[in-house]
Amino acid sequence: MKLRTILFAAAIAISMPLGAKERTLHIVATGDIHGQFFDQPYVEGGRNKTSLMSVKYYVDSLRSAVGKENVLLLDAGDFLQGDNAAYYYNYVAVNKPHIYPRLASYMGYDAVVVGNHDIETGHAVYDRVHRELNDAGIAFLSANYDHTDGRDYFPSYSCFKRGGMKVLVLGFGNANIKGWLSEELWKGMDFDRIAECAQMEVNRAVAAEKPDVVIVAVHSGTGSGENASIESEGMELLKTLKGVDVLVTAHDHNPVVVGPLPGAGTILVNGGARCANVAHATVSVKGKRRSVSGEIVRLNKNKVDVQMRELFKDEFEQVKAFTNREVGELAMPLRTRDAYCGMCDYLNLVHSVCLSIPEVQIAFNAPLTFNGSVKPGTIIYNDMFTIYPFENTLNVIRMSGQEVKDYLEYSYDSWIQTPGEHVLKIKEGADARTGSSRWAFVNRSYNFDSAAGLVYTVDVTKPYGERVSIQSMADGSAFDPAASYTVAMTSYRANGGGGILEKGAGIDNAEMQRRVVALYPEIREMVYRYIRENKKITPELIGNPAVIGSWKFVPESVANPLLEKDIKLIF
């Protein structure tokens, strides 16, 4: 079976008379674009990639085939973070119109949902984009994000005339914002769980608008529907929502079509991430009968809207020039995959930046790029997105020695297992989110924190709770479980991301806020400044044991052969 499409279809009878003539609406949905606006590489020798230009080619082909008036184009959120172009227009070219609303307008997007990474950019960015999308006539939707006084922060829904029918589109953002992001990024807003308010919002909008077709687009993962996660409510919504034809999910980067479930008329579609695919759903109505269907369409990076490429050529060149600026020199390669097996130069660099802050004694960091690498030689700004892809800020909080130990126990348990055939916690099967084709980590590698500033070992033969043995601080002074330490971590982690603070160290979000010692700027910017100041990054500069400490998996005779085997399976 070809990769291009996976098709599910079903027909269901309902009582909605629209006449005998069949009307068909085509919905194309993107999500988790993460700034992938351009198809061309920014760096010499790079490869072309799928992008919004590929989406434009596909959707225009569909419009030509079925009629523009029969096609609705939606995005399910997370478009403002993750790529050089988004960063440039978010934080550098702040006096120019943002590129995304102009791209979305050119492409003919009808509505866009707010994603958690869109909120992560901060009020100055997403409020500006909201205004510019509104000026372009594009709805920026999130029915469950309100001002703290109860007023809507974003519109809840928008209506369109498509396929000869009145189409209602409701949008919902991810409900877990407070579990990931610092308050300054969302100050003045409250967030409701989607499953708790979606039916009410649908009923209210349907009563007011009396639509023929109802679409709900959520920046929430598809999930399983069992013990539903607050960040992955898709299947829970599919099982419970009434009066909805198409449910669009996102966030988990996993392209899928589900449904309709027996006795229900809703189909779920998720187009995945970074414009590799789009979701294409159809709703056909004839008299009292209707059918819904969905497919995942694989896009071709070589089929792009060349007029779009030419129209935005100047913007591309500005981003390219910015990201090719020289930052410093690198004496050795940085490989993020090395972090899964022990200490490595990549994490030593990030740890060293954190430990350069005077009040920091211990630093926690994880490999944030699943399989990134930076070659020795000249470091350019483009490499900064590999070293640190997110706009996380640095938080310094106070923890006891016992909490530090418990934190590490929980982190390593998400990453390793007591050896059998494997020591890494992996499973057979592809992972669309990371690109692994055969084997993948059970859990997300951006939650695999290790520590610097300590000397410790991790015994893979021991059970959870007994693996981490801390011998001393990096300078040789005693480590005391009862003592208090200042610990650097990302804002994502400090606000509950990954659950390590709460589930591992036993520190909930409210308590964590009381322990804040200091707040620092974006970590990527701090890494940039560190490289600029030191000019050349060497293993000796970032690997001083008296500063960074050391750790390793033991016993090495057991751990090392299995680690080597498991890494080969994953990569």
Protein backbone atom coordinates (compact mmCIF):
# COMPACT_ATOMS: atom_id res chain seq x y z
CA MET A 1 0.00 0.00 0.00
CA LYS A 2 1.40 3.41 -0.91
CA LEU A 3 2.42 5.81 1.87
CA ARG A 4 0.58 8.68 0.21
CA THR A 5 -2.84 8.12 1.71
CA ILE A 6 -4.57 6.13 4.40
CA LEU A 7 -8.32 6.40 3.80
CA PHE A 8 -11.24 5.73 6.09
CA ALA A 9 -14.87 6.45 5.12
CA ALA A 10 -18.31 5.89 6.50
CA ALA A 11 -21.82 7.03 5.77
CA ILE A 12 -24.31 7.87 8.47
CA ALA A 13 -27.94 8.93 8.38
CA ILE A 14 -28.94 12.10 10.19
CA SER A 15 -31.96 14.36 10.13
CA MET A 16 -30.69 17.57 8.55
CA PRO A 17 -32.62 18.32 5.37
CA LEU A 18 -30.60 20.28 2.87
CA GLY A 19 -32.38 19.26 -0.29
CA ALA A 20 -31.75 16.46 -2.75
CA LYS A 21 -28.61 17.89 -4.32
CA GLU A 22 -25.38 16.50 -2.88
CA ARG A 23 -23.07 19.08 -1.38
CA THR A 24 -19.46 18.27 -0.48
CA LEU A 25 -17.08 20.19 1.74
CA HIS A 26 -13.34 19.50 1.64
CA ILE A 27 -11.31 20.38 4.75
CA VAL A 28 -7.52 20.57 4.57
CA ALA A 29 -5.83 20.80 7.97
CA THR A 30 -2.24 21.47 8.94
CA GLY A 31 -0.80 21.59 12.45
CA ASP A 32 2.51 21.87 14.27
CA ILE A 33 4.13 23.69 11.36
CA HIS A 34 6.75 25.02 13.80
CA GLY A 35 7.89 27.83 11.53
CA GLN A 36 8.51 25.65 8.47
CA PHE A 37 7.58 28.43 6.08
CA PHE A 38 10.27 28.03 3.41
CA ASP A 39 11.22 24.98 1.35
CA GLN A 40 14.84 25.97 0.80
CA PRO A 41 17.69 25.47 3.30
CA TYR A 42 19.23 28.44 5.08
CA VAL A 43 22.71 26.90 5.08
CA GLU A 44 24.86 25.92 2.12
CA GLY A 45 24.66 22.18 1.48
CA GLY A 46 21.33 21.75 3.20
CA ARG A 47 18.40 20.00 1.56
CA ASN A 48 15.02 21.26 0.50
CA LYS A 49 12.11 20.25 2.73
CA THR A 50 8.35 20.17 2.81
CA SER A 51 6.95 23.51 3.92
CA LEU A 52 3.95 25.80 3.65
CA MET A 53 4.90 26.11 -0.01
CA SER A 54 4.20 22.39 -0.42
CA VAL A 55 0.89 22.84 1.39
CA LYS A 56 -0.03 25.68 -0.97
CA TYR A 57 0.71 23.52 -4.00
CA TYR A 58 -1.48 20.71 -2.70
CA VAL A 59 -4.40 22.84 -1.58
CA ASP A 60 -4.42 24.76 -4.86
CA SER A 61 -4.48 21.46 -6.75
CA LEU A 62 -7.49 20.43 -4.66
CA ARG A 63 -9.17 23.80 -5.21
CA SER A 64 -8.71 23.43 -8.94
CA ALA A 65 -10.16 19.91 -8.88
CA VAL A 66 -13.24 20.51 -6.70
CA GLY A 67 -13.74 24.27 -6.79
CA LYS A 68 -12.25 26.87 -4.45
CA GLU A 69 -15.69 27.49 -2.96
CA ASN A 70 -15.75 23.89 -1.68
CA VAL A 71 -12.42 23.92 0.23
CA LEU A 72 -11.73 25.08 3.79
CA LEU A 73 -8.10 25.48 4.97
CA LEU A 74 -7.37 25.26 8.71
CA ASP A 75 -4.32 25.12 10.96
CA ALA A 76 -4.43 23.48 14.40
CA GLY A 77 -1.67 25.54 16.05
CA ASP A 78 2.05 25.68 16.91
CA PHE A 79 3.22 27.72 13.94
CA LEU A 80 5.19 30.48 15.71
CA GLN A 81 8.11 28.46 17.12
CA GLY A 82 10.67 25.93 15.93
CA ASP A 83 12.41 27.38 12.89
CA ASN A 84 14.74 30.25 12.03
CA ALA A 85 12.08 32.22 10.16
CA ALA A 86 9.64 32.20 13.07
CA TYR A 87 12.37 33.25 15.51
CA TYR A 88 13.54 36.06 13.23
CA TYR A 89 10.08 37.57 12.86
CA ASN A 90 9.16 36.97 16.50
CA TYR A 91 12.17 38.63 18.10
CA VAL A 92 14.46 40.30 15.56
CA ALA A 93 12.34 41.94 12.84
CA VAL A 94 9.87 43.28 15.41
CA ASN A 95 9.25 46.52 13.53
CA LYS A 96 8.13 44.74 10.38
CA PRO A 97 4.78 43.01 9.74
CA HIS A 98 5.10 39.41 10.93
CA ILE A 99 5.60 36.97 8.09
CA TYR A 100 3.08 34.36 9.21
CA PRO A 101 -0.15 36.37 8.77
CA ARG A 102 1.06 37.37 5.29
CA LEU A 103 1.82 33.77 4.38
CA ALA A 104 -1.50 32.57 5.79
CA SER A 105 -3.37 35.27 3.88
CA TYR A 106 -1.62 34.42 0.61
CA MET A 107 -2.39 30.73 1.10
CA GLY A 108 -6.05 31.37 1.83
CA TYR A 109 -6.19 30.02 5.40
CA ASP A 110 -9.66 30.43 6.86
CA ALA A 111 -8.92 29.86 10.55
CA VAL A 112 -5.97 29.14 12.82
CA VAL A 113 -5.98 27.65 16.33
CA VAL A 114 -3.71 28.86 19.13
CA GLY A 115 -1.00 26.33 20.08
CA ASN A 116 0.98 26.09 23.31
CA HIS A 117 4.23 26.97 21.53
CA ASP A 118 2.47 30.01 20.09
CA ILE A 119 1.75 31.15 23.66
CA GLU A 120 5.37 30.35 24.53
CA THR A 121 6.51 33.22 22.29
CA GLY A 122 5.01 35.70 24.78
CA HIS A 123 2.31 38.36 24.70
CA ALA A 124 4.27 40.76 22.49
CA VAL A 125 4.47 38.14 19.72
CA TYR A 126 1.12 36.36 19.79
CA ASP A 127 -0.89 39.51 20.49
CA ARG A 128 0.77 41.13 17.47
CA VAL A 129 0.12 38.08 15.30
CA HIS A 130 -3.48 37.99 16.53
CA ARG A 131 -4.01 41.58 15.37
CA GLU A 132 -2.37 40.96 12.00
CA LEU A 133 -4.34 37.75 11.38
CA ASN A 134 -7.52 39.63 12.26
CA ASP A 135 -6.59 42.41 9.83
CA ALA A 136 -6.11 39.73 7.15
CA GLY A 137 -9.58 38.31 7.86
CA ILE A 138 -8.23 35.09 9.40
CA ALA A 139 -9.79 33.83 12.64
CA PHE A 140 -7.30 33.08 15.45
CA LEU A 141 -9.34 30.75 17.66
CA SER A 142 -9.29 29.39 21.19
CA ALA A 143 -12.62 29.02 22.97
CA ASN A 144 -11.03 27.79 26.20
CA TYR A 145 -8.52 30.64 26.69
CA ASP A 146 -10.17 33.54 28.51
CA HIS A 147 -9.19 36.73 30.25
CA THR A 148 -9.10 36.22 34.00
CA ASP A 149 -12.30 38.28 34.21
CA GLY A 150 -14.09 35.75 31.98
CA ARG A 151 -14.05 37.64 28.69
CA ASP A 152 -12.86 35.81 25.58
CA TYR A 153 -9.16 36.38 24.89
CA PHE A 154 -9.43 34.86 21.42
CA PRO A 155 -12.59 34.27 19.37
CA SER A 156 -14.32 30.95 20.07
CA TYR A 157 -15.50 30.24 16.55
CA SER A 158 -15.97 31.51 13.03
CA CYS A 159 -18.44 30.72 10.25
CA PHE A 160 -17.83 30.23 6.54
CA LYS A 161 -19.85 29.55 3.40
CA ARG A 162 -18.29 26.52 1.73
CA GLY A 163 -19.63 23.63 -0.30
CA GLY A 164 -22.98 25.38 -0.54
CA MET A 165 -23.32 25.05 3.24
CA LYS A 166 -22.82 27.15 6.35
CA VAL A 167 -19.75 25.80 8.13
CA LEU A 168 -19.00 26.45 11.80
CA VAL A 169 -15.38 26.10 13.00
CA LEU A 170 -14.61 26.12 16.73
CA GLY A 171 -11.03 26.23 18.00
CA PHE A 172 -9.54 25.11 21.32
CA GLY A 173 -5.98 25.50 22.61
CA ASN A 174 -4.09 23.01 24.74
CA ALA A 175 -5.27 23.17 28.34
CA ASN A 176 -1.91 22.41 29.98
CA ILE A 177 -0.33 25.86 29.54
CA LYS A 178 0.25 26.43 33.26
CA GLY A 179 2.02 23.07 33.43
CA TRP A 180 4.65 24.18 30.90
CA LEU A 181 5.04 27.94 30.70
CA SER A 182 6.01 30.73 33.06
CA GLU A 183 3.23 33.09 34.08
CA GLU A 184 4.68 36.13 32.32
CA LEU A 185 4.01 34.40 28.99
CA TRP A 186 0.26 33.99 29.62
CA LYS A 187 -0.40 36.57 32.32
CA GLY A 188 -4.05 37.66 32.36
CA MET A 189 -5.42 34.39 30.98
CA ASP A 190 -7.14 31.31 32.34
CA PHE A 191 -7.35 27.92 30.61
CA ASP A 192 -10.15 25.35 30.68
CA ARG A 193 -9.79 21.67 29.91
CA ILE A 194 -11.24 21.14 26.44
CA ALA A 195 -13.38 18.12 27.32
CA GLU A 196 -15.03 20.08 30.11
CA CYS A 197 -16.19 22.99 27.95
CA ALA A 198 -16.25 21.83 24.31
CA GLN A 199 -19.81 20.47 24.22
CA MET A 200 -21.15 23.61 25.87
CA GLU A 201 -19.29 25.80 23.36
CA VAL A 202 -20.51 23.67 20.44
CA ASN A 203 -24.11 23.80 21.64
CA ARG A 204 -23.96 27.55 22.17
CA ALA A 205 -22.44 28.24 18.75
CA VAL A 206 -24.82 25.87 16.93
CA ALA A 207 -27.83 27.52 18.59
CA ALA A 208 -26.59 30.96 17.56
CA GLU A 209 -25.43 30.15 14.02
CA LYS A 210 -27.55 27.14 12.93
CA PRO A 211 -24.78 25.70 10.73
CA ASP A 212 -25.00 22.80 8.31
CA VAL A 213 -21.52 21.46 9.15
CA VAL A 214 -19.61 21.66 12.45
CA ILE A 215 -15.82 21.35 12.74
CA VAL A 216 -13.88 21.39 16.01
CA ALA A 217 -10.12 22.00 15.73
CA VAL A 218 -8.02 21.48 18.85
CA HIS A 219 -4.35 21.88 19.62
CA SER A 220 -4.43 18.71 21.67
CA GLY A 221 -2.95 15.30 21.01
CA THR A 222 -5.08 12.44 19.72
CA GLY A 223 -4.34 10.32 22.80
CA SER A 224 -6.01 7.02 23.62
CA GLY A 225 -9.19 8.16 25.36
CA GLU A 226 -8.26 6.02 28.36
CA ASN A 227 -7.19 7.96 31.46
CA ALA A 228 -7.08 10.95 29.16
CA SER A 229 -4.12 13.28 29.51
CA ILE A 230 -4.83 16.98 29.80
CA GLU A 231 -2.56 17.57 26.80
CA SER A 232 -4.00 14.79 24.61
CA GLU A 233 -7.79 14.96 24.72
CA GLY A 234 -8.57 13.98 21.11
CA MET A 235 -9.99 10.50 21.59
CA GLU A 236 -11.93 11.60 24.66
CA LEU A 237 -13.55 14.31 22.53
CA LEU A 238 -14.22 11.90 19.66
CA LYS A 239 -16.06 9.56 22.02
CA THR A 240 -18.14 12.24 23.73
CA LEU A 241 -18.79 15.21 21.43
CA LYS A 242 -22.23 15.35 19.83
CA GLY A 243 -23.21 17.29 16.74
CA VAL A 244 -19.68 17.54 15.31
CA ASP A 245 -18.73 16.29 11.84
CA VAL A 246 -14.94 16.66 11.85
CA LEU A 247 -12.53 16.82 14.81
CA VAL A 248 -9.03 18.07 13.96
CA THR A 249 -6.28 17.28 16.47
CA ALA A 250 -2.58 18.26 16.63
CA HIS A 251 0.23 18.66 19.20
CA ASP A 252 1.52 15.06 19.19
CA HIS A 253 2.96 15.24 15.64
CA ASN A 254 1.29 11.92 14.82
CA PRO A 255 -0.62 11.77 11.51
CA VAL A 256 -3.76 9.66 11.92
CA VAL A 257 -7.40 9.25 10.92
CA VAL A 258 -9.85 7.67 13.38
CA GLY A 259 -13.55 6.95 13.07
CA PRO A 260 -16.34 7.50 12.75
CA LEU A 261 -16.96 5.37 15.81
CA PRO A 262 -20.02 3.07 15.78
CA GLY A 263 -23.20 5.06 16.32
CA ALA A 264 -21.44 8.41 15.94
CA GLY A 265 -20.91 10.76 13.04
CA THR A 266 -17.58 12.38 13.87
CA ILE A 267 -14.25 11.65 12.19
CA LEU A 268 -10.89 12.60 13.73
CA VAL A 269 -7.98 13.73 11.56
CA ASN A 270 -4.46 14.77 12.55
CA GLY A 271 -2.05 15.90 9.82
CA GLY A 272 1.15 15.44 11.83
CA ALA A 273 3.94 18.03 11.87
CA ARG A 274 6.21 20.27 9.83
CA CYS A 275 4.18 20.05 6.63
CA ALA A 276 5.26 16.47 5.90
CA ASN A 277 1.56 15.64 5.50
CA VAL A 278 -1.80 17.32 5.59
CA ALA A 279 -5.10 15.92 6.76
CA HIS A 280 -7.89 15.96 4.17
CA ALA A 281 -11.45 15.37 5.35
CA THR A 282 -14.70 15.52 3.42
CA VAL A 283 -18.28 16.00 4.51
CA SER A 284 -20.91 15.13 1.88
CA VAL A 285 -24.59 15.86 2.46
CA LYS A 286 -27.56 14.78 0.37
CA GLY A 287 -30.97 15.29 1.85
CA LYS A 288 -31.07 13.57 5.23
CA ARG A 289 -27.95 11.53 4.66
CA ARG A 290 -24.36 12.52 5.04
CA SER A 291 -20.96 10.83 4.86
CA VAL A 292 -17.65 11.82 6.34
CA SER A 293 -14.24 10.57 5.28
CA GLY A 294 -10.62 11.36 5.98
CA GLU A 295 -7.16 10.72 4.65
CA ILE A 296 -3.57 11.62 5.35
CA VAL A 297 -1.86 13.04 2.27
CA ARG A 298 1.91 12.84 2.06
CA LEU A 299 3.34 16.03 0.53
CA ASN A 300 6.13 16.20 -2.02
CA LYS A 301 8.95 18.62 -1.20
CA ASN A 302 9.61 19.08 -4.91
CA LYS A 303 6.07 20.26 -5.64
CA VAL A 304 5.81 23.80 -4.34
CA ASP A 305 4.05 27.01 -5.24
CA VAL A 306 6.88 28.72 -7.15
CA GLN A 307 5.02 32.02 -7.19
CA MET A 308 4.88 31.91 -3.39
CA ARG A 309 8.60 31.20 -3.26
CA GLU A 310 9.29 34.22 -5.47
CA LEU A 311 6.85 36.50 -3.64
CA PHE A 312 8.54 35.86 -0.28
CA LYS A 313 12.10 35.66 -1.63
CA ASP A 314 13.28 38.84 0.12
CA GLU A 315 12.00 37.59 3.47
CA PHE A 316 13.79 34.29 2.96
CA GLU A 317 17.05 36.06 2.16
CA GLN A 318 16.78 38.20 5.30
CA VAL A 319 16.29 35.12 7.47
CA LYS A 320 19.13 33.33 5.67
CA ALA A 321 21.53 36.23 6.24
CA PHE A 322 20.59 36.40 9.92
CA THR A 323 21.07 32.69 10.56
CA ASN A 324 24.42 32.53 8.73
CA ARG A 325 26.05 35.07 11.06
CA GLU A 326 29.26 33.71 12.61
CA VAL A 327 29.12 33.18 16.37
CA GLY A 328 32.40 31.44 17.29
CA GLU A 329 34.49 28.32 16.81
CA LEU A 330 33.90 24.71 17.83
CA ALA A 331 36.82 22.36 18.40
CA MET A 332 34.79 19.13 18.41
CA PRO A 333 31.44 17.87 17.14
CA LEU A 334 28.32 18.24 19.27
CA ARG A 335 25.97 15.24 18.98
CA THR A 336 22.75 15.14 20.96
CA ARG A 337 22.46 11.34 20.66
CA ASP A 338 25.59 10.99 22.82
CA ALA A 339 23.58 12.32 25.79
CA TYR A 340 21.59 9.07 26.03
CA CYS A 341 24.70 7.11 27.04
CA GLY A 342 26.43 9.42 29.50
CA MET A 343 28.25 12.74 29.66
CA CYS A 344 28.85 14.42 26.32
CA ASP A 345 30.14 17.69 24.89
CA TYR A 346 26.67 18.79 23.79
CA LEU A 347 25.17 18.73 27.29
CA ASN A 348 28.44 19.86 28.86
CA LEU A 349 28.08 23.09 26.87
CA VAL A 350 24.54 23.75 28.08
CA HIS A 351 25.42 22.72 31.64
CA SER A 352 28.45 25.02 31.62
CA VAL A 353 26.31 27.98 30.57
CA CYS A 354 23.98 27.33 33.52
CA LEU A 355 26.84 26.83 35.97
CA SER A 356 28.45 30.11 34.87
CA ILE A 357 25.70 31.89 36.84
CA PRO A 358 27.24 32.72 40.25
CA GLU A 359 24.36 31.49 42.43
CA VAL A 360 23.94 28.13 40.63
CA GLN A 361 25.38 25.02 42.30
CA ILE A 362 23.65 22.27 40.28
CA ALA A 363 22.18 22.25 36.76
CA PHE A 364 19.58 19.96 35.19
CA ASN A 365 19.39 19.68 31.39
CA ALA A 366 18.17 17.24 28.74
CA PRO A 367 18.91 16.73 25.02
CA LEU A 368 16.27 18.95 23.41
CA THR A 369 17.06 17.98 19.83
CA PHE A 370 16.45 14.25 19.41
CA ASN A 371 19.26 13.60 16.93
CA GLY A 372 20.98 16.88 16.15
CA SER A 373 24.61 17.56 15.43
CA VAL A 374 26.90 20.52 14.96
CA LYS A 375 30.16 20.00 13.09
CA PRO A 376 33.55 21.30 14.28
CA GLY A 377 34.60 24.61 12.81
CA THR A 378 32.76 27.90 12.58
CA ILE A 379 29.55 28.08 14.57
CA ILE A 380 26.83 30.11 12.89
CA TYR A 381 23.56 31.29 14.39
CA ASN A 382 21.72 28.50 12.56
CA ASP A 383 23.55 26.03 14.82
CA MET A 384 21.95 27.67 17.85
CA PHE A 385 18.60 26.13 16.87
CA THR A 386 20.19 22.67 17.00
CA ILE A 387 21.92 23.33 20.31
CA TYR A 388 18.80 24.87 21.84
CA PRO A 389 15.60 24.70 19.75
CA PHE A 390 13.12 26.18 22.24
CA GLU A 391 12.53 29.63 23.71
CA ASN A 392 12.84 28.39 27.30
CA THR A 393 14.16 30.77 29.91
CA LEU A 394 16.42 29.75 32.81
CA ASN A 395 14.99 29.40 36.32
CA VAL A 396 17.01 28.95 39.48
CA ILE A 397 15.14 27.29 42.35
CA ARG A 398 16.07 25.96 45.77
CA MET A 399 15.96 22.19 46.39
CA SER A 400 17.13 19.91 49.18
CA GLY A 401 19.79 17.32 48.48
CA GLN A 402 17.21 14.56 48.89
CA GLU A 403 14.91 16.24 46.37
CA VAL A 404 17.82 16.46 43.91
CA LYS A 405 18.45 12.73 44.32
CA ASP A 406 14.74 11.87 43.96
CA TYR A 407 14.50 14.11 40.89
CA LEU A 408 17.35 12.24 39.21
CA GLU A 409 15.90 8.85 40.12
CA TYR A 410 12.63 9.77 38.38
CA SER A 411 14.41 11.23 35.33
CA TYR A 412 16.60 8.18 34.76
CA ASP A 413 13.64 5.83 35.23
CA SER A 414 11.98 7.40 32.19
CA TRP A 415 15.11 6.65 30.22
CA ILE A 416 16.61 3.34 31.37
CA GLN A 417 15.42 -0.02 32.66
CA THR A 418 16.95 -2.86 34.64
CA PRO A 419 18.89 -4.74 31.96
CA GLY A 420 17.39 -7.64 30.09
CA GLU A 421 17.76 -7.45 26.33
CA HIS A 422 17.94 -3.66 26.64
CA VAL A 423 19.11 -1.07 29.11
CA LEU A 424 17.50 1.94 27.44
CA LYS A 425 13.73 2.06 27.81
CA ILE A 426 12.85 1.51 24.14
CA LYS A 427 10.16 -0.22 22.14
CA GLU A 428 10.00 -1.63 18.65
CA GLY A 429 8.15 0.51 16.13
CA ALA A 430 8.45 3.82 14.33
CA ASP A 431 8.04 7.20 16.03
CA ALA A 432 6.66 9.90 13.72
CA ARG A 433 7.59 12.63 16.16
CA THR A 434 11.33 11.88 16.18
CA GLY A 435 11.67 10.19 12.81
CA SER A 436 12.86 6.88 14.31
CA SER A 437 11.91 4.18 11.84
CA ARG A 438 12.48 0.90 13.73
CA TRP A 439 12.93 1.43 17.47
CA ALA A 440 12.03 4.38 19.67
CA PHE A 441 12.21 5.56 23.24
CA VAL A 442 9.07 4.80 25.25
CA ASN A 443 9.20 8.34 26.69
CA ARG A 444 10.21 11.72 25.28
CA SER A 445 13.96 12.34 25.28
CA TYR A 446 13.53 16.04 26.09
CA ASN A 447 12.63 14.84 29.60
CA PHE A 448 15.86 12.86 30.09
CA ASP A 449 17.54 15.24 32.52
CA SER A 450 21.03 14.65 33.81
CA ALA A 451 22.85 16.82 36.35
CA ALA A 452 26.04 18.88 36.39
CA GLY A 453 27.80 20.20 39.48
CA LEU A 454 27.73 16.73 41.06
CA VAL A 455 29.81 13.55 41.03
CA TYR A 456 27.45 10.58 40.80
CA THR A 457 26.79 7.19 39.23
CA VAL A 458 23.65 5.50 37.93
CA ASP A 459 23.58 1.76 38.61
CA VAL A 460 21.52 0.13 35.86
CA THR A 461 21.22 -3.14 37.76
CA LYS A 462 19.34 -1.51 40.64
CA PRO A 463 15.58 -0.77 40.77
CA TYR A 464 14.00 2.67 40.62
CA GLY A 465 14.84 4.60 43.76
CA GLU A 466 18.21 2.92 44.29
CA ARG A 467 20.06 3.70 41.05
CA VAL A 468 21.53 7.16 41.71
CA SER A 469 24.47 7.39 44.08
CA ILE A 470 25.81 10.93 44.64
CA GLN A 471 29.39 10.94 45.93
CA SER A 472 30.09 14.67 46.22
CA MET A 473 29.73 18.10 44.69
CA ALA A 474 31.89 18.81 41.64
CA ASP A 475 34.51 20.64 43.73
CA GLY A 476 34.90 17.65 46.03
CA SER A 477 32.90 19.06 48.93
CA ALA A 478 30.34 16.85 50.61
CA PHE A 479 26.86 16.39 49.21
CA ASP A 480 24.27 16.46 51.98
CA PRO A 481 20.69 15.16 51.42
CA ALA A 482 19.52 17.51 54.18
CA ALA A 483 21.25 20.61 52.77
CA SER A 484 19.72 23.23 50.51
CA TYR A 485 21.07 23.78 46.97
CA THR A 486 20.41 26.29 44.18
CA VAL A 487 19.48 24.42 41.02
CA ALA A 488 19.22 25.73 37.44
CA MET A 489 16.60 24.31 35.10
CA THR A 490 14.51 25.36 32.12
CA SER A 491 11.29 27.31 32.57
CA TYR A 492 9.49 24.34 30.99
CA ARG A 493 10.78 22.04 33.72
CA ALA A 494 10.32 24.58 36.53
CA ASN A 495 6.66 25.00 35.57
CA GLY A 496 5.98 21.28 35.73
CA GLY A 497 6.98 20.10 32.25
CA GLY A 498 7.65 16.37 32.19
CA GLY A 499 6.33 15.99 35.73
CA ILE A 500 9.82 15.44 37.15
CA LEU A 501 9.60 18.07 39.87
CA GLU A 502 6.22 16.93 41.14
CA LYS A 503 6.35 13.18 40.56
CA GLY A 504 10.06 12.80 41.24
CA ALA A 505 11.05 15.45 43.76
CA GLY A 506 7.58 15.92 45.25
CA ILE A 507 7.47 19.67 44.55
CA ASP A 508 4.17 20.85 43.07
CA ASN A 509 3.83 23.99 40.97
CA ALA A 510 2.57 26.21 43.79
CA GLU A 511 5.46 25.18 46.03
CA MET A 512 7.97 25.59 43.22
CA GLN A 513 6.94 29.23 42.74
CA ARG A 514 7.86 29.91 46.36
CA ARG A 515 11.32 28.46 45.81
CA VAL A 516 12.42 30.67 42.93
CA VAL A 517 15.83 32.22 43.57
CA ALA A 518 16.38 33.95 40.22
CA LEU A 519 15.04 34.18 36.67
CA TYR A 520 17.28 34.58 33.64
CA PRO A 521 16.71 35.20 29.89
CA GLU A 522 16.25 32.63 27.13
CA ILE A 523 18.78 29.83 27.39
CA ARG A 524 19.52 29.94 23.66
CA GLU A 525 20.54 33.58 24.05
CA MET A 526 22.71 32.67 27.04
CA VAL A 527 24.43 29.92 25.03
CA TYR A 528 24.96 32.43 22.22
CA ARG A 529 26.59 34.93 24.59
CA TYR A 530 28.73 32.22 26.19
CA ILE A 531 30.13 31.20 22.80
CA ARG A 532 30.71 34.82 21.77
CA GLU A 533 32.56 35.57 25.00
CA ASN A 534 34.75 32.45 24.90
CA LYS A 535 35.27 32.60 21.11
CA LYS A 536 36.30 28.92 20.87
CA ILE A 537 34.48 26.03 22.54
CA THR A 538 36.76 23.13 23.49
CA PRO A 539 36.17 19.95 25.51
CA GLU A 540 38.48 21.35 28.20
CA LEU A 541 36.53 24.62 28.51
CA ILE A 542 33.15 22.97 29.02
CA GLY A 543 34.33 19.74 30.66
CA ASN A 544 36.27 20.89 33.70
CA PRO A 545 35.45 18.20 36.32
CA ALA A 546 35.91 20.67 39.17
CA VAL A 547 33.02 22.71 37.72
CA ILE A 548 30.80 20.31 35.86
CA GLY A 549 31.41 17.18 37.92
CA SER A 550 30.94 13.75 36.39
CA TRP A 551 28.46 10.91 36.06
CA LYS A 552 28.27 7.55 34.33
CA PHE A 553 26.23 4.37 34.07
CA VAL A 554 27.59 1.47 36.14
CA PRO A 555 28.60 -1.30 36.16
CA GLU A 556 30.24 -0.34 32.88
CA SER A 557 30.75 -3.98 31.90
CA VAL A 558 26.97 -4.42 31.87
CA ALA A 559 25.79 -0.98 30.76
CA ASN A 560 28.17 -0.10 27.93
CA PRO A 561 27.60 -3.08 25.59
CA LEU A 562 23.82 -2.78 25.97
CA LEU A 563 23.89 1.00 25.46
CA GLU A 564 25.87 0.57 22.26
CA LYS A 565 23.42 -2.07 21.02
CA ASP A 566 20.33 -0.01 21.88
CA ILE A 567 21.68 3.17 20.27
CA LYS A 568 22.26 1.24 17.04
CA LEU A 569 18.64 0.05 17.12
CA ILE A 570 17.27 3.58 17.55
CA PHE A 571 19.48 5.30 15.02
